[in-house]
Amino acid sequence: QVQLAESGGGLVQAGGSLRLSCAASGRTLSITTVSWFRQVSGKEREFVAGIFWSGSSIYYADSVKGRFTVSRDNAKNTVYLQMNSLKLEDTAVYYCAGATNWRVGVSDRKENYNVWGQGTQITVSS
């Protein structure tokens, strides 16, 4: 079994930066893709960015392209989400999600992920 745990959330002013971490533990070799999703209360959970564990594929939602960067450190079993130029609309609970089926690739569909972290709140203030 594999577990994911996010850290690095908090309160930041618009235009600022934050870095989220997603640490994997347990059977980490089973993870093929790690992605970040976010959710605002009352709305659907949406894809933000994802990375294939080998680093060969990286995708971003249009809303964060050019501002967010996803990366991984395999030695630390950790995936990062560097968030720059944060906007008010980036406020949400951010989740990291893992897929253990390599055929999924970097999917923007939450149904394709079978391991989830507990989530971390990001609040962007004006």
Protein backbone atom coordinates (compact mmCIF):
# COMPACT_ATOMS: atom_id res chain seq x y z
CA GLN A 1 0.00 0.00 0.00
CA VAL A 2 1.16 3.53 -0.70
CA GLN A 3 0.27 6.74 1.10
CA LEU A 4 0.56 10.37 0.03
CA ALA A 5 0.87 13.37 2.32
CA GLU A 6 0.80 17.03 1.27
CA SER A 7 2.49 19.88 3.07
CA GLY A 8 3.26 23.52 2.43
CA GLY A 9 -0.17 25.08 2.34
CA GLY A 10 -1.07 28.37 3.93
CA LEU A 11 -2.03 31.98 3.44
CA VAL A 12 -0.31 34.12 0.83
CA GLN A 13 -0.95 37.49 -0.77
CA ALA A 14 -1.88 37.74 -4.41
CA GLY A 15 1.24 37.75 -6.55
CA GLY A 16 3.14 35.69 -4.02
CA SER A 17 4.54 32.17 -4.16
CA LEU A 18 4.18 28.89 -2.33
CA ARG A 19 5.61 25.43 -2.78
CA LEU A 20 3.60 22.34 -2.01
CA SER A 21 5.17 18.97 -1.34
CA CYS A 22 3.64 15.53 -1.79
CA ALA A 23 5.58 12.83 0.00
CA ALA A 24 4.94 9.20 -0.85
CA SER A 25 5.48 6.39 1.62
CA GLY A 26 4.92 2.65 1.63
CA ARG A 27 5.03 0.85 -1.70
CA THR A 28 6.23 3.91 -3.58
CA LEU A 29 7.43 1.90 -6.57
CA SER A 30 3.77 1.22 -7.40
CA ILE A 31 3.15 4.89 -8.20
CA THR A 32 3.39 5.76 -11.90
CA THR A 33 1.86 9.23 -11.95
CA VAL A 34 1.40 11.96 -9.36
CA SER A 35 -0.91 14.86 -10.05
CA TRP A 36 -2.23 17.84 -8.20
CA PHE A 37 -5.91 18.64 -8.03
CA ARG A 38 -7.73 21.42 -6.26
CA GLN A 39 -11.23 21.89 -5.00
CA VAL A 40 -13.30 24.83 -3.91
CA SER A 41 -16.22 24.09 -1.65
CA GLY A 42 -19.28 23.29 -3.72
CA LYS A 43 -17.33 22.76 -6.93
CA GLU A 44 -15.83 19.80 -8.69
CA ARG A 45 -12.27 18.77 -7.96
CA GLU A 46 -10.16 19.98 -10.88
CA PHE A 47 -6.85 18.97 -12.34
CA VAL A 48 -3.96 21.37 -11.83
CA ALA A 49 -0.77 19.63 -12.92
CA GLY A 50 0.69 16.17 -13.17
CA ILE A 51 3.95 14.37 -13.75
CA PHE A 52 4.77 10.86 -14.81
CA TRP A 53 7.10 9.35 -12.22
CA SER A 54 9.91 9.10 -14.75
CA GLY A 55 9.47 12.80 -15.50
CA SER A 56 8.91 12.06 -19.17
CA SER A 57 5.46 13.62 -19.24
CA ILE A 58 4.24 16.77 -17.55
CA TYR A 59 0.91 18.50 -18.07
CA TYR A 60 -0.72 21.62 -16.71
CA ALA A 61 -4.20 23.00 -16.66
CA ASP A 62 -4.49 26.09 -18.85
CA SER A 63 -5.34 28.18 -15.81
CA VAL A 64 -1.92 27.60 -14.23
CA LYS A 65 0.39 27.33 -17.24
CA GLY A 66 3.35 29.64 -16.93
CA ARG A 67 2.75 30.16 -13.22
CA PHE A 68 2.95 26.68 -11.65
CA THR A 69 5.72 24.13 -12.03
CA VAL A 70 5.51 20.47 -11.05
CA SER A 71 8.68 18.49 -10.37
CA ARG A 72 9.74 15.34 -8.59
CA ASP A 73 12.64 14.08 -6.53
CA ASN A 74 12.63 10.31 -6.83
CA ALA A 75 15.30 9.91 -4.19
CA LYS A 76 12.99 11.58 -1.68
CA ASN A 77 9.81 10.05 -3.12
CA THR A 78 8.42 13.57 -3.28
CA VAL A 79 6.59 15.61 -5.90
CA TYR A 80 6.53 19.39 -5.67
CA LEU A 81 4.20 22.07 -6.97
CA GLN A 82 5.84 25.46 -7.17
CA MET A 83 3.15 28.11 -7.42
CA ASN A 84 4.12 31.63 -8.49
CA SER A 85 2.09 34.73 -9.29
CA LEU A 86 -0.76 33.40 -7.21
CA LYS A 87 -4.22 34.78 -7.86
CA LEU A 88 -7.32 35.00 -5.71
CA GLU A 89 -8.91 32.28 -7.83
CA ASP A 90 -6.14 29.85 -6.86
CA THR A 91 -7.66 29.65 -3.39
CA ALA A 92 -8.70 26.03 -2.80
CA VAL A 93 -7.83 22.82 -1.04
CA TYR A 94 -5.01 21.19 -2.97
CA TYR A 95 -4.69 17.43 -3.16
CA CYS A 96 -1.99 15.25 -4.53
CA ALA A 97 -3.16 12.09 -6.20
CA GLY A 98 -1.35 8.98 -7.30
CA ALA A 99 -2.10 6.47 -10.00
CA THR A 100 -0.73 2.95 -9.86
CA ASN A 101 -1.74 1.99 -13.39
CA TRP A 102 0.89 3.15 -15.87
CA ARG A 103 -1.68 3.09 -18.67
CA VAL A 104 -3.33 6.12 -17.06
CA GLY A 105 -0.43 8.36 -18.01
CA VAL A 106 -0.87 11.91 -16.79
CA SER A 107 -4.64 12.07 -16.69
CA ASP A 108 -6.76 15.08 -15.83
CA ARG A 109 -9.59 12.80 -14.65
CA LYS A 110 -9.75 12.31 -10.91
CA GLU A 111 -11.39 8.91 -11.45
CA ASN A 112 -8.09 7.58 -12.75
CA TYR A 113 -6.30 8.13 -9.45
CA ASN A 114 -6.58 5.60 -6.66
CA VAL A 115 -4.38 7.15 -3.96
CA TRP A 116 -5.10 10.56 -2.44
CA GLY A 117 -3.52 12.77 0.15
CA GLN A 118 -5.54 14.50 2.85
CA GLY A 119 -5.39 17.91 1.17
CA THR A 120 -3.87 21.23 2.16
CA GLN A 121 -5.55 24.63 2.13
CA ILE A 122 -4.17 27.45 0.02
CA THR A 123 -5.70 30.85 0.62
CA VAL A 124 -4.70 33.77 -1.58
CA SER A 125 -5.62 37.17 -0.16
CA SER A 126 -5.81 40.56 -1.83
